[in-house]
Amino acid sequence: KGLLFAASVLSQAAAADAQQHGGAYVYFEYNPFIQQRIEQSAEADQFSYIYTKDPGPDAREGFSLVKLRRSDGEETARLWIDERSPDYVVDEVTSTVFLKRTDREIVALKFPGN
């Protein structure tokens, strides 16, 4: 969240500098993309993610990434992944998992229902 806020502030500072040196009128407003990410990041703080071999409620065998609600530990979604030790990153704001399949391939996966 802090980095997003800093990026927004820096973009406004650059606009102010351009206005001061070039005389152009600049309307100061947060970047809508950054503003949306800041707002959604508060919601994302409600969840944690774990990688497990636990079969879960449907008794399916294999490995999965589980999205848990922090307030009560309840499972809200599960992604099944074939690899035992995957290289992945979770974008908590969009509930997207970026999974590295090979050195040249990254796959974006969404949690069901998100």
N, C-alpha and C. Protein backbone atom coordinates (compact mmCIF):
# COMPACT_ATOMS: atom_id res chain seq x y z
N LYS A 1 0.83 -1.19 0.00
CA LYS A 1 0.00 0.00 0.00
C LYS A 1 0.87 1.25 0.00
N GLY A 2 1.92 1.18 0.79
CA GLY A 2 2.82 2.33 0.88
C GLY A 2 3.47 2.66 -0.44
N LEU A 3 3.88 1.63 -1.18
CA LEU A 3 4.51 1.87 -2.49
C LEU A 3 3.52 2.48 -3.47
N LEU A 4 2.29 2.02 -3.45
CA LEU A 4 1.28 2.59 -4.34
C LEU A 4 1.02 4.05 -4.01
N PHE A 5 0.94 4.37 -2.72
CA PHE A 5 0.73 5.75 -2.30
C PHE A 5 1.92 6.61 -2.71
N ALA A 6 3.13 6.07 -2.52
CA ALA A 6 4.34 6.82 -2.89
C ALA A 6 4.37 7.08 -4.40
N ALA A 7 3.98 6.08 -5.20
CA ALA A 7 3.96 6.26 -6.65
C ALA A 7 2.97 7.35 -7.04
N SER A 8 1.84 7.38 -6.38
CA SER A 8 0.84 8.40 -6.67
C SER A 8 1.36 9.79 -6.31
N VAL A 9 1.99 9.90 -5.16
CA VAL A 9 2.53 11.19 -4.72
C VAL A 9 3.64 11.65 -5.67
N LEU A 10 4.50 10.72 -6.08
CA LEU A 10 5.58 11.09 -6.99
C LEU A 10 5.04 11.55 -8.35
N SER A 11 3.97 10.90 -8.83
CA SER A 11 3.41 11.34 -10.11
C SER A 11 2.82 12.74 -9.99
N GLN A 12 2.24 13.04 -8.84
CA GLN A 12 1.70 14.39 -8.63
C GLN A 12 2.83 15.40 -8.51
N ALA A 13 3.92 15.01 -7.88
CA ALA A 13 5.07 15.92 -7.74
C ALA A 13 5.67 16.21 -9.11
N ALA A 14 5.75 15.20 -9.96
CA ALA A 14 6.28 15.41 -11.31
C ALA A 14 5.37 16.34 -12.10
N ALA A 15 4.05 16.19 -11.93
CA ALA A 15 3.10 17.07 -12.62
C ALA A 15 3.24 18.51 -12.14
N ALA A 16 3.43 18.69 -10.84
CA ALA A 16 3.60 20.03 -10.28
C ALA A 16 4.88 20.67 -10.81
N ASP A 17 5.93 19.87 -10.92
CA ASP A 17 7.20 20.39 -11.45
C ASP A 17 7.05 20.80 -12.91
N ALA A 18 6.35 19.98 -13.67
CA ALA A 18 6.12 20.31 -15.09
C ALA A 18 5.30 21.58 -15.22
N GLN A 19 4.31 21.74 -14.36
CA GLN A 19 3.49 22.95 -14.40
C GLN A 19 4.32 24.18 -14.06
N GLN A 20 5.18 24.05 -13.07
CA GLN A 20 6.00 25.17 -12.63
C GLN A 20 6.99 25.59 -13.72
N HIS A 21 7.57 24.65 -14.43
CA HIS A 21 8.59 24.97 -15.42
C HIS A 21 8.03 25.20 -16.82
N GLY A 22 6.86 24.67 -17.09
CA GLY A 22 6.34 24.81 -18.44
C GLY A 22 5.11 25.68 -18.54
N GLY A 23 4.55 26.04 -17.43
CA GLY A 23 3.37 26.89 -17.44
C GLY A 23 2.08 26.17 -17.80
N ALA A 24 2.13 24.87 -18.02
CA ALA A 24 0.92 24.12 -18.38
C ALA A 24 0.05 23.95 -17.14
N TYR A 25 -1.26 23.95 -17.35
CA TYR A 25 -2.17 23.72 -16.24
C TYR A 25 -2.25 22.23 -15.98
N VAL A 26 -2.08 21.83 -14.73
CA VAL A 26 -2.16 20.42 -14.34
C VAL A 26 -3.24 20.27 -13.30
N TYR A 27 -4.13 19.33 -13.53
CA TYR A 27 -5.19 19.04 -12.57
C TYR A 27 -4.68 17.95 -11.63
N PHE A 28 -4.60 18.24 -10.35
CA PHE A 28 -4.05 17.30 -9.39
C PHE A 28 -5.14 16.36 -8.88
N GLU A 29 -5.02 15.13 -9.29
CA GLU A 29 -5.93 14.09 -8.84
C GLU A 29 -5.15 12.79 -8.85
N TYR A 30 -5.46 11.93 -7.90
CA TYR A 30 -4.77 10.65 -7.87
C TYR A 30 -4.99 9.89 -9.16
N ASN A 31 -3.98 9.16 -9.58
CA ASN A 31 -4.11 8.26 -10.72
C ASN A 31 -5.24 7.28 -10.39
N PRO A 32 -6.26 7.16 -11.25
CA PRO A 32 -7.40 6.29 -10.93
C PRO A 32 -7.01 4.84 -10.73
N PHE A 33 -6.03 4.34 -11.47
CA PHE A 33 -5.58 2.97 -11.30
C PHE A 33 -4.96 2.78 -9.91
N ILE A 34 -4.09 3.71 -9.53
CA ILE A 34 -3.45 3.61 -8.22
C ILE A 34 -4.48 3.78 -7.11
N GLN A 35 -5.42 4.70 -7.27
CA GLN A 35 -6.47 4.89 -6.27
C GLN A 35 -7.29 3.62 -6.09
N GLN A 36 -7.63 2.96 -7.20
CA GLN A 36 -8.41 1.73 -7.13
C GLN A 36 -7.62 0.64 -6.40
N ARG A 37 -6.32 0.52 -6.70
CA ARG A 37 -5.48 -0.49 -6.03
C ARG A 37 -5.39 -0.22 -4.54
N ILE A 38 -5.28 1.05 -4.15
CA ILE A 38 -5.20 1.39 -2.72
C ILE A 38 -6.49 0.99 -2.03
N GLU A 39 -7.62 1.29 -2.63
CA GLU A 39 -8.91 0.95 -2.02
C GLU A 39 -9.09 -0.57 -1.93
N GLN A 40 -8.73 -1.29 -2.98
CA GLN A 40 -8.89 -2.74 -2.98
C GLN A 40 -7.90 -3.44 -2.06
N SER A 41 -6.77 -2.81 -1.80
CA SER A 41 -5.78 -3.45 -0.94
C SER A 41 -6.26 -3.57 0.50
N ALA A 42 -7.12 -2.67 0.94
CA ALA A 42 -7.70 -2.79 2.28
C ALA A 42 -8.56 -4.04 2.37
N GLU A 43 -9.30 -4.32 1.31
CA GLU A 43 -10.13 -5.52 1.26
C GLU A 43 -9.26 -6.77 1.21
N ALA A 44 -8.15 -6.71 0.50
CA ALA A 44 -7.27 -7.86 0.34
C ALA A 44 -6.63 -8.27 1.66
N ASP A 45 -6.48 -7.35 2.59
CA ASP A 45 -5.90 -7.67 3.89
C ASP A 45 -6.74 -8.64 4.70
N GLN A 46 -7.94 -8.93 4.24
CA GLN A 46 -8.84 -9.84 4.97
C GLN A 46 -8.52 -11.31 4.71
N PHE A 47 -7.57 -11.60 3.80
CA PHE A 47 -7.31 -12.98 3.40
C PHE A 47 -5.85 -13.35 3.54
N SER A 48 -5.62 -14.66 3.76
CA SER A 48 -4.29 -15.24 3.77
C SER A 48 -4.29 -16.40 2.79
N TYR A 49 -3.11 -16.81 2.35
CA TYR A 49 -2.98 -17.88 1.37
C TYR A 49 -2.00 -18.91 1.89
N ILE A 50 -2.35 -20.20 1.72
CA ILE A 50 -1.43 -21.28 2.11
C ILE A 50 -1.37 -22.29 0.98
N TYR A 51 -0.21 -22.92 0.84
CA TYR A 51 -0.03 -23.99 -0.14
C TYR A 51 -0.05 -25.29 0.64
N THR A 52 -0.84 -26.25 0.21
CA THR A 52 -1.04 -27.45 1.00
C THR A 52 -1.25 -28.69 0.15
N LYS A 53 -1.06 -29.84 0.77
CA LYS A 53 -1.41 -31.13 0.14
C LYS A 53 -2.71 -31.64 0.75
N ASP A 54 -3.28 -30.95 1.68
CA ASP A 54 -4.53 -31.34 2.31
C ASP A 54 -5.62 -31.49 1.23
N PRO A 55 -6.37 -32.58 1.25
CA PRO A 55 -7.37 -32.81 0.20
C PRO A 55 -8.55 -31.83 0.24
N GLY A 56 -8.78 -31.17 1.34
CA GLY A 56 -9.86 -30.20 1.41
C GLY A 56 -11.24 -30.84 1.46
N PRO A 57 -12.28 -30.03 1.34
CA PRO A 57 -13.65 -30.51 1.52
C PRO A 57 -14.10 -31.52 0.46
N ASP A 58 -13.54 -31.48 -0.74
CA ASP A 58 -13.98 -32.41 -1.79
C ASP A 58 -13.13 -33.67 -1.86
N ALA A 59 -12.16 -33.83 -0.95
CA ALA A 59 -11.31 -35.02 -0.83
C ALA A 59 -10.46 -35.28 -2.08
N ARG A 60 -10.18 -34.26 -2.85
CA ARG A 60 -9.35 -34.41 -4.06
C ARG A 60 -7.89 -34.50 -3.65
N GLU A 61 -7.15 -35.39 -4.29
CA GLU A 61 -5.72 -35.57 -4.01
C GLU A 61 -4.90 -34.58 -4.84
N GLY A 62 -3.78 -34.14 -4.30
CA GLY A 62 -2.88 -33.25 -5.01
C GLY A 62 -2.53 -32.03 -4.18
N PHE A 63 -1.94 -31.04 -4.85
CA PHE A 63 -1.49 -29.81 -4.18
C PHE A 63 -2.41 -28.66 -4.58
N SER A 64 -2.62 -27.77 -3.62
CA SER A 64 -3.50 -26.63 -3.91
C SER A 64 -3.07 -25.41 -3.12
N LEU A 65 -3.44 -24.26 -3.66
CA LEU A 65 -3.26 -22.98 -2.98
C LEU A 65 -4.63 -22.60 -2.44
N VAL A 66 -4.71 -22.36 -1.14
CA VAL A 66 -5.99 -22.11 -0.48
C VAL A 66 -6.06 -20.67 0.00
N LYS A 67 -7.19 -20.03 -0.29
CA LYS A 67 -7.46 -18.66 0.17
C LYS A 67 -8.32 -18.76 1.43
N LEU A 68 -7.81 -18.21 2.53
CA LEU A 68 -8.49 -18.28 3.82
C LEU A 68 -8.88 -16.90 4.31
N ARG A 69 -10.06 -16.80 4.89
CA ARG A 69 -10.49 -15.55 5.52
C ARG A 69 -9.79 -15.46 6.87
N ARG A 70 -9.10 -14.38 7.11
CA ARG A 70 -8.31 -14.22 8.35
C ARG A 70 -9.16 -14.18 9.60
N SER A 71 -10.35 -13.63 9.53
CA SER A 71 -11.17 -13.46 10.72
C SER A 71 -11.59 -14.78 11.35
N ASP A 72 -11.84 -15.80 10.53
CA ASP A 72 -12.30 -17.07 11.09
C ASP A 72 -11.56 -18.30 10.55
N GLY A 73 -10.59 -18.10 9.65
CA GLY A 73 -9.83 -19.21 9.10
C GLY A 73 -10.60 -20.05 8.09
N GLU A 74 -11.76 -19.58 7.66
CA GLU A 74 -12.58 -20.36 6.74
C GLU A 74 -12.02 -20.29 5.32
N GLU A 75 -12.01 -21.44 4.64
CA GLU A 75 -11.57 -21.51 3.26
C GLU A 75 -12.60 -20.83 2.37
N THR A 76 -12.14 -19.90 1.54
CA THR A 76 -13.07 -19.20 0.63
C THR A 76 -12.87 -19.62 -0.82
N ALA A 77 -11.69 -20.15 -1.17
CA ALA A 77 -11.43 -20.60 -2.53
C ALA A 77 -10.19 -21.48 -2.54
N ARG A 78 -10.07 -22.29 -3.59
CA ARG A 78 -8.93 -23.20 -3.72
C ARG A 78 -8.57 -23.35 -5.19
N LEU A 79 -7.25 -23.29 -5.47
CA LEU A 79 -6.71 -23.51 -6.81
C LEU A 79 -5.85 -24.77 -6.78
N TRP A 80 -6.12 -25.70 -7.66
CA TRP A 80 -5.32 -26.93 -7.73
C TRP A 80 -4.15 -26.70 -8.68
N ILE A 81 -2.96 -27.06 -8.20
CA ILE A 81 -1.73 -26.85 -8.97
C ILE A 81 -0.99 -28.18 -9.05
N ASP A 82 -0.50 -28.51 -10.23
CA ASP A 82 0.12 -29.81 -10.46
C ASP A 82 1.48 -29.99 -9.80
N GLU A 83 2.23 -28.92 -9.64
CA GLU A 83 3.59 -29.04 -9.13
C GLU A 83 3.64 -29.16 -7.61
N ARG A 84 4.66 -29.88 -7.13
CA ARG A 84 4.85 -30.05 -5.69
C ARG A 84 5.40 -28.77 -5.05
N SER A 85 6.32 -28.11 -5.73
CA SER A 85 6.95 -26.88 -5.21
C SER A 85 6.89 -25.80 -6.27
N PRO A 86 5.74 -25.23 -6.52
CA PRO A 86 5.62 -24.23 -7.59
C PRO A 86 6.27 -22.90 -7.22
N ASP A 87 6.66 -22.17 -8.23
CA ASP A 87 7.18 -20.81 -8.07
C ASP A 87 6.02 -19.89 -8.44
N TYR A 88 5.44 -19.22 -7.45
CA TYR A 88 4.26 -18.40 -7.71
C TYR A 88 4.26 -17.14 -6.86
N VAL A 89 3.44 -16.18 -7.29
CA VAL A 89 3.20 -14.94 -6.55
C VAL A 89 1.70 -14.69 -6.59
N VAL A 90 1.15 -14.26 -5.46
CA VAL A 90 -0.28 -13.94 -5.39
C VAL A 90 -0.46 -12.44 -5.40
N ASP A 91 -1.26 -11.93 -6.35
CA ASP A 91 -1.68 -10.54 -6.32
C ASP A 91 -2.93 -10.53 -5.46
N GLU A 92 -2.79 -10.14 -4.22
CA GLU A 92 -3.89 -10.23 -3.26
C GLU A 92 -5.04 -9.30 -3.60
N VAL A 93 -4.78 -8.22 -4.28
CA VAL A 93 -5.83 -7.27 -4.62
C VAL A 93 -6.80 -7.86 -5.64
N THR A 94 -6.28 -8.58 -6.63
CA THR A 94 -7.13 -9.14 -7.67
C THR A 94 -7.38 -10.64 -7.50
N SER A 95 -6.81 -11.24 -6.46
CA SER A 95 -6.89 -12.69 -6.24
C SER A 95 -6.40 -13.46 -7.46
N THR A 96 -5.32 -12.97 -8.05
CA THR A 96 -4.72 -13.63 -9.20
C THR A 96 -3.41 -14.26 -8.76
N VAL A 97 -3.18 -15.49 -9.21
CA VAL A 97 -1.94 -16.20 -8.92
C VAL A 97 -1.12 -16.23 -10.21
N PHE A 98 0.11 -15.75 -10.13
CA PHE A 98 1.03 -15.80 -11.27
C PHE A 98 1.98 -16.96 -11.01
N LEU A 99 1.84 -18.00 -11.83
CA LEU A 99 2.56 -19.25 -11.65
C LEU A 99 3.62 -19.40 -12.74
N LYS A 100 4.87 -19.59 -12.33
CA LYS A 100 5.95 -19.77 -13.29
C LYS A 100 5.99 -21.24 -13.70
N ARG A 101 5.62 -21.52 -14.95
CA ARG A 101 5.61 -22.91 -15.46
C ARG A 101 7.00 -23.31 -15.97
N THR A 102 7.64 -22.42 -16.72
CA THR A 102 8.99 -22.66 -17.24
C THR A 102 9.74 -21.33 -17.15
N ASP A 103 10.99 -21.33 -17.58
CA ASP A 103 11.77 -20.09 -17.56
C ASP A 103 11.20 -19.04 -18.51
N ARG A 104 10.34 -19.46 -19.45
CA ARG A 104 9.78 -18.53 -20.43
C ARG A 104 8.26 -18.47 -20.39
N GLU A 105 7.64 -19.06 -19.38
CA GLU A 105 6.18 -19.09 -19.34
C GLU A 105 5.65 -18.79 -17.94
N ILE A 106 4.77 -17.81 -17.87
CA ILE A 106 4.08 -17.47 -16.62
C ILE A 106 2.59 -17.54 -16.92
N VAL A 107 1.86 -18.22 -16.03
CA VAL A 107 0.43 -18.39 -16.22
C VAL A 107 -0.29 -17.62 -15.12
N ALA A 108 -1.34 -16.90 -15.51
CA ALA A 108 -2.16 -16.17 -14.54
C ALA A 108 -3.41 -16.99 -14.26
N LEU A 109 -3.66 -17.29 -12.99
CA LEU A 109 -4.81 -18.08 -12.59
C LEU A 109 -5.66 -17.26 -11.61
N LYS A 110 -6.97 -17.38 -11.73
CA LYS A 110 -7.88 -16.68 -10.80
C LYS A 110 -8.51 -17.72 -9.88
N PHE A 111 -8.69 -17.34 -8.63
CA PHE A 111 -9.41 -18.20 -7.71
C PHE A 111 -10.87 -18.29 -8.15
N PRO A 112 -11.47 -19.46 -8.07
CA PRO A 112 -12.89 -19.60 -8.44
C PRO A 112 -13.76 -18.65 -7.62
N GLY A 113 -14.72 -18.03 -8.30
CA GLY A 113 -15.63 -17.12 -7.61
C GLY A 113 -15.09 -15.73 -7.39
N ASN A 114 -13.90 -15.42 -7.91
CA ASN A 114 -13.30 -14.10 -7.72
C ASN A 114 -13.15 -13.39 -9.03
